[in-house]
Amino acid sequence: AGTLKIDLAQFRDLESFATFGSELDKASQAQLDRGYRLTELLKQGLNAPVPVQEQVVLIYAATKGWLDTIPVVDIKRFESDLITAFRATYADLLETIKTTKALPDTDKLDAAIKAVVDGFVVTTK
């Protein structure tokens, strides 16, 4: 959560700066895009809380850059696909997070997230 707070704070600062119409370099634009994805990911439906272990997976995926190739408009659908895949195929990782209150083996977690990202079909406009 430490990097999440920092990432969102930097995003808000950069977003404010970008409103002045300044030309942004690639790194700044990438940071801005990641901030939009994080913001979209953190939205929860009314009376639809997300279990902590699922939030951990989603935030981990976002802060590690796994969502950087997914358009903001597809984030909610990807979130649903990721959680569905974890419940069906990677329930052991969710259970580890729930019981130990810590990240499981990050190699396994990365591989599981990568499998879902690789299988995700982006909506075309």
Protein backbone atom coordinates (compact mmCIF):
# COMPACT_ATOMS: atom_id res chain seq x y z
CA ALA A 1 0.00 0.00 0.00
CA GLY A 2 3.01 2.27 0.49
CA THR A 3 3.68 2.58 -3.23
CA LEU A 4 -0.03 2.92 -3.93
CA LYS A 5 -0.25 6.08 -1.81
CA ILE A 6 2.86 7.53 -3.42
CA ASP A 7 1.74 6.55 -6.92
CA LEU A 8 -1.67 8.16 -6.44
CA ALA A 9 -0.19 11.32 -4.91
CA GLN A 10 2.23 11.67 -7.83
CA PHE A 11 -0.62 11.00 -10.25
CA ARG A 12 -2.74 13.78 -8.71
CA ASP A 13 0.17 16.22 -8.91
CA LEU A 14 0.92 15.29 -12.50
CA GLU A 15 -2.76 15.42 -13.42
CA SER A 16 -2.95 18.98 -12.06
CA PHE A 17 0.15 19.94 -14.04
CA ALA A 18 -1.23 18.33 -17.22
CA THR A 19 -4.39 20.43 -17.07
CA PHE A 20 -2.31 23.45 -18.07
CA GLY A 21 -1.97 21.91 -21.52
CA SER A 22 1.72 21.24 -21.24
CA GLU A 23 3.34 18.68 -23.50
CA LEU A 24 4.20 15.59 -21.44
CA ASP A 25 7.15 13.29 -22.01
CA LYS A 26 6.56 9.54 -22.40
CA ALA A 27 7.41 8.73 -18.78
CA SER A 28 5.00 11.37 -17.45
CA GLN A 29 2.25 10.22 -19.81
CA ALA A 30 2.79 6.60 -18.70
CA GLN A 31 2.58 7.67 -15.05
CA LEU A 32 -0.62 9.59 -15.78
CA ASP A 33 -2.13 6.60 -17.60
CA ARG A 34 -1.23 4.27 -14.72
CA GLY A 35 -2.88 6.71 -12.31
CA TYR A 36 -6.12 6.62 -14.32
CA ARG A 37 -6.03 2.82 -14.24
CA LEU A 38 -5.39 2.74 -10.48
CA THR A 39 -8.22 5.19 -9.88
CA GLU A 40 -10.61 3.08 -11.96
CA LEU A 41 -9.47 -0.09 -10.23
CA LEU A 42 -10.08 1.33 -6.75
CA LYS A 43 -13.73 2.17 -7.46
CA GLN A 44 -16.14 -0.23 -5.76
CA GLY A 45 -19.83 -0.61 -6.38
CA LEU A 46 -22.30 0.55 -3.77
CA ASN A 47 -22.83 -2.23 -1.21
CA ALA A 48 -20.40 -4.44 -3.15
CA PRO A 49 -17.21 -4.58 -1.09
CA VAL A 50 -14.28 -6.50 -2.55
CA PRO A 51 -12.69 -9.05 -0.18
CA VAL A 52 -9.27 -7.98 1.09
CA GLN A 53 -7.40 -10.88 -0.53
CA GLU A 54 -8.87 -9.92 -3.92
CA GLN A 55 -8.00 -6.25 -3.36
CA VAL A 56 -4.43 -7.32 -2.63
CA VAL A 57 -4.19 -9.17 -5.95
CA LEU A 58 -5.73 -6.27 -7.89
CA ILE A 59 -3.55 -3.60 -6.30
CA TYR A 60 -0.44 -5.76 -6.67
CA ALA A 61 -1.20 -6.24 -10.37
CA ALA A 62 -1.74 -2.51 -10.89
CA THR A 63 1.29 -1.27 -8.96
CA LYS A 64 3.59 -3.79 -10.67
CA GLY A 65 2.53 -2.54 -14.11
CA TRP A 66 0.53 -5.59 -15.21
CA LEU A 67 -2.40 -3.37 -16.21
CA ASP A 68 -0.34 -0.87 -18.23
CA THR A 69 -1.39 -2.41 -21.56
CA ILE A 70 -5.10 -2.44 -20.72
CA PRO A 71 -7.17 0.60 -21.73
CA VAL A 72 -8.90 2.41 -18.85
CA VAL A 73 -12.32 1.60 -20.35
CA ASP A 74 -11.53 -2.12 -19.99
CA ILE A 75 -10.23 -2.03 -16.40
CA LYS A 76 -13.49 -3.07 -14.72
CA ARG A 77 -13.94 -5.98 -17.13
CA PHE A 78 -10.33 -7.03 -16.59
CA GLU A 79 -10.83 -6.78 -12.82
CA SER A 80 -13.79 -9.13 -13.09
CA ASP A 81 -11.84 -11.56 -15.31
CA LEU A 82 -8.84 -11.53 -12.97
CA ILE A 83 -10.91 -12.23 -9.87
CA THR A 84 -12.94 -14.93 -11.65
CA ALA A 85 -9.72 -16.64 -12.75
CA PHE A 86 -8.21 -16.42 -9.28
CA ARG A 87 -11.34 -17.86 -7.65
CA ALA A 88 -11.47 -20.72 -10.15
CA THR A 89 -7.82 -21.54 -10.78
CA TYR A 90 -5.69 -19.79 -8.18
CA ALA A 91 -7.85 -20.09 -5.06
CA ASP A 92 -4.80 -21.34 -3.15
CA LEU A 93 -3.09 -17.97 -3.67
CA LEU A 94 -6.17 -16.11 -2.43
CA GLU A 95 -6.36 -18.41 0.61
CA THR A 96 -2.68 -17.83 1.38
CA ILE A 97 -3.22 -14.07 1.33
CA LYS A 98 -6.32 -14.41 3.51
CA THR A 99 -4.77 -16.67 6.14
CA THR A 100 -1.22 -15.30 6.30
CA LYS A 101 -2.13 -11.66 5.62
CA ALA A 102 0.95 -11.54 3.38
CA LEU A 103 1.79 -11.91 -0.28
CA PRO A 104 2.31 -15.48 -1.45
CA ASP A 105 5.31 -16.48 -3.54
CA THR A 106 5.53 -13.53 -5.95
CA ASP A 107 6.75 -15.76 -8.80
CA LYS A 108 3.51 -17.76 -8.58
CA LEU A 109 1.46 -14.59 -8.21
CA ASP A 110 3.15 -12.96 -11.21
CA ALA A 111 2.67 -16.10 -13.33
CA ALA A 112 -1.03 -16.25 -12.43
CA ILE A 113 -1.59 -12.58 -13.24
CA LYS A 114 0.41 -12.88 -16.48
CA ALA A 115 -1.77 -15.82 -17.57
CA VAL A 116 -4.92 -13.71 -17.13
CA VAL A 117 -3.37 -10.63 -18.78
CA ASP A 118 -2.20 -12.71 -21.76
CA GLY A 119 -5.68 -14.19 -22.20
CA PHE A 120 -7.51 -10.87 -21.88
CA VAL A 121 -9.03 -9.50 -25.08
CA VAL A 122 -9.08 -5.72 -25.24
CA THR A 123 -12.31 -4.12 -26.43
CA THR A 124 -11.80 -2.36 -29.73
CA LYS A 125 -13.42 0.98 -30.32
